[in-house]
Amino acid sequence: LVPAVGELIGGSQREERLEELTAKMKESGLSEEDYWWYLDLRRYGTVPHGGYGLGFERLVCYVTGTSNIRDAIAFPRFPGGCEF
C-alpha cells in the first residue's frame, strides 16, 4: 500500500480444490450449472496457480504526484467510447 495512491501490486491464488470450490459456491448461493465450465477446468486439469499484477496507472500517479488516476490512464475506457 502506498499513501495517497493505494495498492500498487496485488496478487492471488486460485482455488484448485474442487470440493472447496463447490462448497464455497453453495455458501455464496451460486449455481453450479452457471459455472459448469469453470468447475470442469478444476475437475479435468488444473494445477495450483496464482499471480500478481502491477497497477501501472497507480505507479504513474505515485511517481508523478498525480492525484486522480483518471489523469494517468493512457487509453481511458468509458461508456460509448468504442464503436463496434
C-alpha atoms as a PDB file:
ATOM      1  CA  LEU A   1       0.000   0.000   0.000  1.00  0.00           C
ATOM      2  CA  VAL A   2       1.242   3.457  -0.902  1.00  0.00           C
ATOM      3  CA  PRO A   3      -0.029   6.615   0.815  1.00  0.00           C
ATOM      4  CA  ALA A   4      -2.493   8.659  -1.301  1.00  0.00           C
ATOM      5  CA  VAL A   5      -2.376   6.057  -4.102  1.00  0.00           C
ATOM      6  CA  GLY A   6      -3.497   2.753  -2.632  1.00  0.00           C
ATOM      7  CA  GLU A   7      -2.420  -0.701  -3.687  1.00  0.00           C
ATOM      8  CA  LEU A   8       0.310  -0.795  -6.343  1.00  0.00           C
ATOM      9  CA  ILE A   9       0.755  -4.545  -6.563  1.00  0.00           C
ATOM     10  CA  GLY A  10      -1.866  -7.188  -5.873  1.00  0.00           C
ATOM     11  CA  GLY A  11      -1.856 -10.947  -6.044  1.00  0.00           C
ATOM     12  CA  SER A  12      -3.952 -14.015  -5.540  1.00  0.00           C
ATOM     13  CA  GLN A  13      -4.025 -17.776  -5.860  1.00  0.00           C
ATOM     14  CA  ARG A  14      -6.881 -19.641  -7.473  1.00  0.00           C
ATOM     15  CA  GLU A  15      -8.704 -22.339  -5.563  1.00  0.00           C
ATOM     16  CA  GLU A  16      -7.715 -25.615  -7.236  1.00  0.00           C
ATOM     17  CA  ARG A  17      -9.564 -27.958  -4.858  1.00  0.00           C
ATOM     18  CA  LEU A  18     -12.912 -28.824  -6.433  1.00  0.00           C
ATOM     19  CA  GLU A  19     -14.566 -29.753  -3.127  1.00  0.00           C
ATOM     20  CA  GLU A  20     -13.606 -26.451  -1.515  1.00  0.00           C
ATOM     21  CA  LEU A  21     -14.739 -24.512  -4.577  1.00  0.00           C
ATOM     22  CA  THR A  22     -18.166 -26.144  -4.780  1.00  0.00           C
ATOM     23  CA  ALA A  23     -18.689 -25.725  -1.018  1.00  0.00           C
ATOM     24  CA  LYS A  24     -17.890 -22.007  -1.260  1.00  0.00           C
ATOM     25  CA  MET A  25     -20.203 -21.671  -4.268  1.00  0.00           C
ATOM     26  CA  LYS A  26     -23.068 -23.226  -2.300  1.00  0.00           C
ATOM     27  CA  GLU A  27     -22.301 -20.980   0.673  1.00  0.00           C
ATOM     28  CA  SER A  28     -22.389 -17.930  -1.611  1.00  0.00           C
ATOM     29  CA  GLY A  29     -25.616 -19.005  -3.336  1.00  0.00           C
ATOM     30  CA  LEU A  30     -24.016 -19.554  -6.749  1.00  0.00           C
ATOM     31  CA  SER A  31     -25.420 -22.169  -9.110  1.00  0.00           C
ATOM     32  CA  GLU A  32     -23.038 -24.911 -10.231  1.00  0.00           C
ATOM     33  CA  GLU A  33     -24.941 -25.051 -13.522  1.00  0.00           C
ATOM     34  CA  ASP A  34     -23.969 -21.457 -14.303  1.00  0.00           C
ATOM     35  CA  TYR A  35     -20.279 -22.201 -13.671  1.00  0.00           C
ATOM     36  CA  TRP A  36     -20.043 -25.692 -15.182  1.00  0.00           C
ATOM     37  CA  TRP A  37     -17.190 -24.625 -17.464  1.00  0.00           C
ATOM     38  CA  TYR A  38     -15.153 -23.275 -14.539  1.00  0.00           C
ATOM     39  CA  LEU A  39     -15.763 -26.390 -12.470  1.00  0.00           C
ATOM     40  CA  ASP A  40     -14.718 -28.563 -15.428  1.00  0.00           C
ATOM     41  CA  LEU A  41     -11.410 -26.670 -15.568  1.00  0.00           C
ATOM     42  CA  ARG A  42     -10.810 -27.693 -11.967  1.00  0.00           C
ATOM     43  CA  ARG A  43     -12.140 -31.193 -12.489  1.00  0.00           C
ATOM     44  CA  TYR A  44     -10.096 -32.106 -15.586  1.00  0.00           C
ATOM     45  CA  GLY A  45      -6.743 -30.462 -15.421  1.00  0.00           C
ATOM     46  CA  THR A  46      -5.862 -27.692 -13.078  1.00  0.00           C
ATOM     47  CA  VAL A  47      -2.727 -27.227 -11.051  1.00  0.00           C
ATOM     48  CA  PRO A  48      -2.100 -24.826  -8.189  1.00  0.00           C
ATOM     49  CA  HIS A  49      -1.505 -21.437  -9.756  1.00  0.00           C
ATOM     50  CA  GLY A  50      -1.634 -17.784  -8.895  1.00  0.00           C
ATOM     51  CA  GLY A  51      -0.198 -14.497  -9.934  1.00  0.00           C
ATOM     52  CA  TYR A  52       0.249 -10.841  -9.292  1.00  0.00           C
ATOM     53  CA  GLY A  53      -0.104  -7.625 -11.181  1.00  0.00           C
ATOM     54  CA  LEU A  54       1.282  -4.120 -11.034  1.00  0.00           C
ATOM     55  CA  GLY A  55      -1.191  -1.273 -11.331  1.00  0.00           C
ATOM     56  CA  PHE A  56       0.745   0.769 -13.884  1.00  0.00           C
ATOM     57  CA  GLU A  57      -1.567   3.771 -13.717  1.00  0.00           C
ATOM     58  CA  ARG A  58      -1.274   3.797  -9.929  1.00  0.00           C
ATOM     59  CA  LEU A  59       2.517   3.691 -10.269  1.00  0.00           C
ATOM     60  CA  VAL A  60       2.348   6.686 -12.620  1.00  0.00           C
ATOM     61  CA  CYS A  61       0.209   8.535 -10.037  1.00  0.00           C
ATOM     62  CA  TYR A  62       2.751   7.765  -7.327  1.00  0.00           C
ATOM     63  CA  VAL A  63       5.812   8.780  -9.358  1.00  0.00           C
ATOM     64  CA  THR A  64       4.305  11.957 -10.836  1.00  0.00           C
ATOM     65  CA  GLY A  65       2.213  13.042  -7.865  1.00  0.00           C
ATOM     66  CA  THR A  66      -0.995  12.952  -9.902  1.00  0.00           C
ATOM     67  CA  SER A  67      -3.960  12.981  -7.536  1.00  0.00           C
ATOM     68  CA  ASN A  68      -6.597  11.434  -9.820  1.00  0.00           C
ATOM     69  CA  ILE A  69      -5.960   8.091 -11.510  1.00  0.00           C
ATOM     70  CA  ARG A  70      -8.104   9.157 -14.485  1.00  0.00           C
ATOM     71  CA  ASP A  71      -5.368  11.630 -15.395  1.00  0.00           C
ATOM     72  CA  ALA A  72      -2.785   8.818 -15.549  1.00  0.00           C
ATOM     73  CA  ILE A  73      -4.636   6.404 -17.849  1.00  0.00           C
ATOM     74  CA  ALA A  74      -3.050   6.385 -21.303  1.00  0.00           C
ATOM     75  CA  PHE A  75      -6.041   4.819 -23.085  1.00  0.00           C
ATOM     76  CA  PRO A  76      -9.156   5.571 -20.996  1.00  0.00           C
ATOM     77  CA  ARG A  77     -12.280   3.456 -21.319  1.00  0.00           C
ATOM     78  CA  PHE A  78     -15.711   4.973 -20.957  1.00  0.00           C
ATOM     79  CA  PRO A  79     -19.275   4.055 -21.937  1.00  0.00           C
ATOM     80  CA  GLY A  80     -19.845   4.637 -25.653  1.00  0.00           C
ATOM     81  CA  GLY A  81     -16.134   5.119 -26.339  1.00  0.00           C
ATOM     82  CA  CYS A  82     -15.795   2.039 -28.524  1.00  0.00           C
ATOM     83  CA  GLU A  83     -17.804   1.553 -31.679  1.00  0.00           C
ATOM     84  CA  PHE A  84     -18.444  -1.961 -32.968  1.00  0.00           C
END
